[in-house]
Amino acid sequence: MTNIARSNPMGTALAGSVIAAALLETLFDKEILTLIEAQTVLDSAMHSLAPVAQSPEGFAAAQIIGALQKGKFSARR
């Protein structure tokens, strides 16, 4: 971990989240991941949030994942 990451954990978390979302979208757009696989990734991420879902950060993360699930990765596309 870099010194920057150690001194700014929220920025590090945000950067990681943005990179992960971009990667998921890129893999889906290139048809490396199917819709079902992308949905499975998002479902897994949502389940991983369960222990912290009541915290402000957990709630915000759940909203973002939910928006992806209802948007580009919705079964009703």
N, C-alpha and C. Protein backbone atom coordinates (compact mmCIF):
# COMPACT_ATOMS: atom_id res chain seq x y z
N MET A 1 0.84 -1.17 0.00
CA MET A 1 0.00 0.00 0.00
C MET A 1 0.89 1.24 0.00
N THR A 2 0.54 2.20 -0.81
CA THR A 2 1.34 3.43 -0.89
C THR A 2 1.07 4.32 0.31
N ASN A 3 1.95 5.29 0.53
CA ASN A 3 1.75 6.26 1.61
C ASN A 3 0.47 7.06 1.40
N ILE A 4 0.16 7.35 0.16
CA ILE A 4 -1.07 8.09 -0.15
C ILE A 4 -2.28 7.28 0.29
N ALA A 5 -2.30 5.99 -0.01
CA ALA A 5 -3.43 5.14 0.38
C ALA A 5 -3.57 5.07 1.89
N ARG A 6 -2.47 4.99 2.61
CA ARG A 6 -2.52 4.92 4.07
C ARG A 6 -3.05 6.22 4.66
N SER A 7 -2.74 7.33 4.05
CA SER A 7 -3.14 8.62 4.61
C SER A 7 -4.55 9.04 4.20
N ASN A 8 -5.12 8.36 3.24
CA ASN A 8 -6.45 8.75 2.76
C ASN A 8 -7.29 7.50 2.47
N PRO A 9 -7.77 6.80 3.51
CA PRO A 9 -8.51 5.56 3.28
C PRO A 9 -9.82 5.76 2.51
N MET A 10 -10.51 6.87 2.71
CA MET A 10 -11.77 7.09 1.97
C MET A 10 -11.49 7.29 0.49
N GLY A 11 -10.44 8.03 0.18
CA GLY A 11 -10.06 8.22 -1.23
C GLY A 11 -9.65 6.92 -1.87
N THR A 12 -8.94 6.10 -1.11
CA THR A 12 -8.52 4.79 -1.61
C THR A 12 -9.73 3.91 -1.89
N ALA A 13 -10.68 3.92 -0.97
CA ALA A 13 -11.90 3.12 -1.16
C ALA A 13 -12.69 3.61 -2.38
N LEU A 14 -12.80 4.90 -2.53
CA LEU A 14 -13.52 5.46 -3.68
C LEU A 14 -12.82 5.11 -4.99
N ALA A 15 -11.50 5.25 -5.01
CA ALA A 15 -10.76 4.91 -6.23
C ALA A 15 -10.94 3.44 -6.58
N GLY A 16 -10.85 2.57 -5.59
CA GLY A 16 -11.04 1.14 -5.83
C GLY A 16 -12.42 0.83 -6.37
N SER A 17 -13.42 1.48 -5.83
CA SER A 17 -14.80 1.27 -6.27
C SER A 17 -15.01 1.71 -7.71
N VAL A 18 -14.47 2.86 -8.04
CA VAL A 18 -14.61 3.39 -9.40
C VAL A 18 -13.90 2.49 -10.40
N ILE A 19 -12.71 2.03 -10.03
CA ILE A 19 -11.96 1.12 -10.90
C ILE A 19 -12.72 -0.19 -11.09
N ALA A 20 -13.26 -0.74 -10.01
CA ALA A 20 -13.99 -2.00 -10.09
C ALA A 20 -15.24 -1.86 -10.97
N ALA A 21 -15.97 -0.76 -10.82
CA ALA A 21 -17.16 -0.55 -11.65
C ALA A 21 -16.78 -0.40 -13.12
N ALA A 22 -15.72 0.34 -13.39
CA ALA A 22 -15.27 0.51 -14.78
C ALA A 22 -14.83 -0.82 -15.38
N LEU A 23 -14.13 -1.62 -14.58
CA LEU A 23 -13.68 -2.93 -15.05
C LEU A 23 -14.87 -3.84 -15.34
N LEU A 24 -15.85 -3.86 -14.45
CA LEU A 24 -17.05 -4.67 -14.67
C LEU A 24 -17.75 -4.25 -15.96
N GLU A 25 -17.91 -2.96 -16.16
CA GLU A 25 -18.56 -2.47 -17.38
C GLU A 25 -17.76 -2.81 -18.62
N THR A 26 -16.45 -2.67 -18.56
CA THR A 26 -15.60 -2.98 -19.71
C THR A 26 -15.67 -4.46 -20.07
N LEU A 27 -15.57 -5.32 -19.07
CA LEU A 27 -15.66 -6.77 -19.33
C LEU A 27 -17.02 -7.14 -19.92
N PHE A 28 -18.06 -6.50 -19.44
CA PHE A 28 -19.41 -6.75 -19.97
C PHE A 28 -19.52 -6.23 -21.40
N ASP A 29 -19.06 -5.01 -21.63
CA ASP A 29 -19.15 -4.41 -22.97
C ASP A 29 -18.36 -5.21 -24.01
N LYS A 30 -17.25 -5.81 -23.60
CA LYS A 30 -16.43 -6.62 -24.51
C LYS A 30 -16.94 -8.06 -24.60
N GLU A 31 -18.06 -8.32 -23.94
CA GLU A 31 -18.71 -9.63 -23.93
C GLU A 31 -17.80 -10.72 -23.35
N ILE A 32 -16.95 -10.32 -22.41
CA ILE A 32 -16.14 -11.27 -21.66
C ILE A 32 -16.98 -11.82 -20.51
N LEU A 33 -17.82 -10.96 -19.93
CA LEU A 33 -18.79 -11.37 -18.92
C LEU A 33 -20.19 -11.32 -19.52
N THR A 34 -20.99 -12.30 -19.21
CA THR A 34 -22.38 -12.27 -19.63
C THR A 34 -23.17 -11.40 -18.65
N LEU A 35 -24.40 -11.09 -18.99
CA LEU A 35 -25.26 -10.33 -18.10
C LEU A 35 -25.43 -11.08 -16.78
N ILE A 36 -25.64 -12.37 -16.85
CA ILE A 36 -25.82 -13.16 -15.63
C ILE A 36 -24.56 -13.13 -14.77
N GLU A 37 -23.39 -13.22 -15.38
CA GLU A 37 -22.15 -13.16 -14.62
C GLU A 37 -21.95 -11.79 -13.96
N ALA A 38 -22.27 -10.73 -14.69
CA ALA A 38 -22.16 -9.39 -14.12
C ALA A 38 -23.14 -9.23 -12.96
N GLN A 39 -24.35 -9.73 -13.12
CA GLN A 39 -25.33 -9.67 -12.04
C GLN A 39 -24.86 -10.47 -10.83
N THR A 40 -24.22 -11.61 -11.07
CA THR A 40 -23.69 -12.43 -9.98
C THR A 40 -22.62 -11.68 -9.20
N VAL A 41 -21.75 -10.96 -9.91
CA VAL A 41 -20.72 -10.15 -9.26
C VAL A 41 -21.37 -9.10 -8.36
N LEU A 42 -22.38 -8.41 -8.88
CA LEU A 42 -23.05 -7.38 -8.11
C LEU A 42 -23.81 -7.97 -6.92
N ASP A 43 -24.45 -9.11 -7.12
CA ASP A 43 -25.14 -9.78 -6.01
C ASP A 43 -24.16 -10.17 -4.91
N SER A 44 -23.02 -10.69 -5.30
CA SER A 44 -21.99 -11.07 -4.33
C SER A 44 -21.49 -9.84 -3.56
N ALA A 45 -21.29 -8.76 -4.26
CA ALA A 45 -20.85 -7.52 -3.61
C ALA A 45 -21.91 -7.04 -2.62
N MET A 46 -23.17 -7.12 -3.00
CA MET A 46 -24.26 -6.69 -2.12
C MET A 46 -24.31 -7.56 -0.86
N HIS A 47 -24.15 -8.85 -1.03
CA HIS A 47 -24.16 -9.76 0.12
C HIS A 47 -22.97 -9.50 1.03
N SER A 48 -21.85 -9.12 0.47
CA SER A 48 -20.67 -8.82 1.28
C SER A 48 -20.87 -7.58 2.14
N LEU A 49 -21.79 -6.72 1.73
CA LEU A 49 -22.07 -5.51 2.49
C LEU A 49 -22.96 -5.75 3.71
N ALA A 50 -23.60 -6.88 3.77
CA ALA A 50 -24.58 -7.14 4.83
C ALA A 50 -24.10 -6.78 6.23
N PRO A 51 -22.87 -7.15 6.62
CA PRO A 51 -22.43 -6.82 7.98
C PRO A 51 -22.32 -5.33 8.27
N VAL A 52 -22.16 -4.51 7.24
CA VAL A 52 -21.99 -3.07 7.46
C VAL A 52 -23.11 -2.25 6.81
N ALA A 53 -24.18 -2.91 6.42
CA ALA A 53 -25.25 -2.23 5.69
C ALA A 53 -25.91 -1.11 6.50
N GLN A 54 -25.87 -1.19 7.81
CA GLN A 54 -26.51 -0.16 8.64
C GLN A 54 -25.63 1.08 8.84
N SER A 55 -24.35 0.98 8.50
CA SER A 55 -23.47 2.15 8.63
C SER A 55 -23.73 3.10 7.46
N PRO A 56 -23.42 4.37 7.63
CA PRO A 56 -23.61 5.30 6.51
C PRO A 56 -22.84 4.89 5.25
N GLU A 57 -21.62 4.39 5.44
CA GLU A 57 -20.81 3.98 4.30
C GLU A 57 -21.41 2.75 3.62
N GLY A 58 -21.84 1.78 4.43
CA GLY A 58 -22.45 0.57 3.89
C GLY A 58 -23.74 0.87 3.14
N PHE A 59 -24.53 1.77 3.71
CA PHE A 59 -25.79 2.16 3.06
C PHE A 59 -25.51 2.83 1.72
N ALA A 60 -24.52 3.73 1.70
CA ALA A 60 -24.17 4.42 0.45
C ALA A 60 -23.66 3.43 -0.59
N ALA A 61 -22.84 2.49 -0.16
CA ALA A 61 -22.33 1.48 -1.09
C ALA A 61 -23.46 0.63 -1.65
N ALA A 62 -24.41 0.26 -0.79
CA ALA A 62 -25.55 -0.55 -1.24
C ALA A 62 -26.39 0.22 -2.27
N GLN A 63 -26.53 1.51 -2.08
CA GLN A 63 -27.28 2.32 -3.05
C GLN A 63 -26.59 2.33 -4.41
N ILE A 64 -25.28 2.44 -4.40
CA ILE A 64 -24.52 2.47 -5.66
C ILE A 64 -24.63 1.13 -6.37
N ILE A 65 -24.45 0.05 -5.64
CA ILE A 65 -24.56 -1.28 -6.25
C ILE A 65 -25.98 -1.50 -6.75
N GLY A 66 -26.95 -1.07 -5.98
CA GLY A 66 -28.36 -1.19 -6.40
C GLY A 66 -28.63 -0.44 -7.69
N ALA A 67 -28.03 0.74 -7.83
CA ALA A 67 -28.22 1.52 -9.06
C ALA A 67 -27.64 0.78 -10.26
N LEU A 68 -26.49 0.14 -10.09
CA LEU A 68 -25.92 -0.66 -11.18
C LEU A 68 -26.82 -1.85 -11.51
N GLN A 69 -27.37 -2.47 -10.47
CA GLN A 69 -28.25 -3.62 -10.69
C GLN A 69 -29.53 -3.22 -11.42
N LYS A 70 -30.01 -2.02 -11.18
CA LYS A 70 -31.25 -1.56 -11.82
C LYS A 70 -31.00 -0.86 -13.14
N GLY A 71 -29.74 -0.52 -13.41
CA GLY A 71 -29.40 0.19 -14.62
C GLY A 71 -28.85 -0.74 -15.69
N LYS A 72 -27.59 -0.55 -16.00
CA LYS A 72 -26.94 -1.28 -17.08
C LYS A 72 -27.02 -2.79 -16.94
N PHE A 73 -27.03 -3.28 -15.71
CA PHE A 73 -27.00 -4.72 -15.48
C PHE A 73 -28.37 -5.28 -15.05
N SER A 74 -29.41 -4.59 -15.42
CA SER A 74 -30.77 -5.04 -15.11
C SER A 74 -31.18 -6.17 -16.04
N ALA A 75 -31.95 -7.09 -15.51
CA ALA A 75 -32.47 -8.19 -16.33
C ALA A 75 -33.50 -7.67 -17.33
N ARG A 76 -34.02 -6.49 -17.10
CA ARG A 76 -35.07 -5.90 -17.96
C ARG A 76 -34.52 -4.89 -18.94
N ARG A 77 -33.35 -5.16 -19.49
CA ARG A 77 -32.71 -4.25 -20.43
C ARG A 77 -33.37 -4.33 -21.77
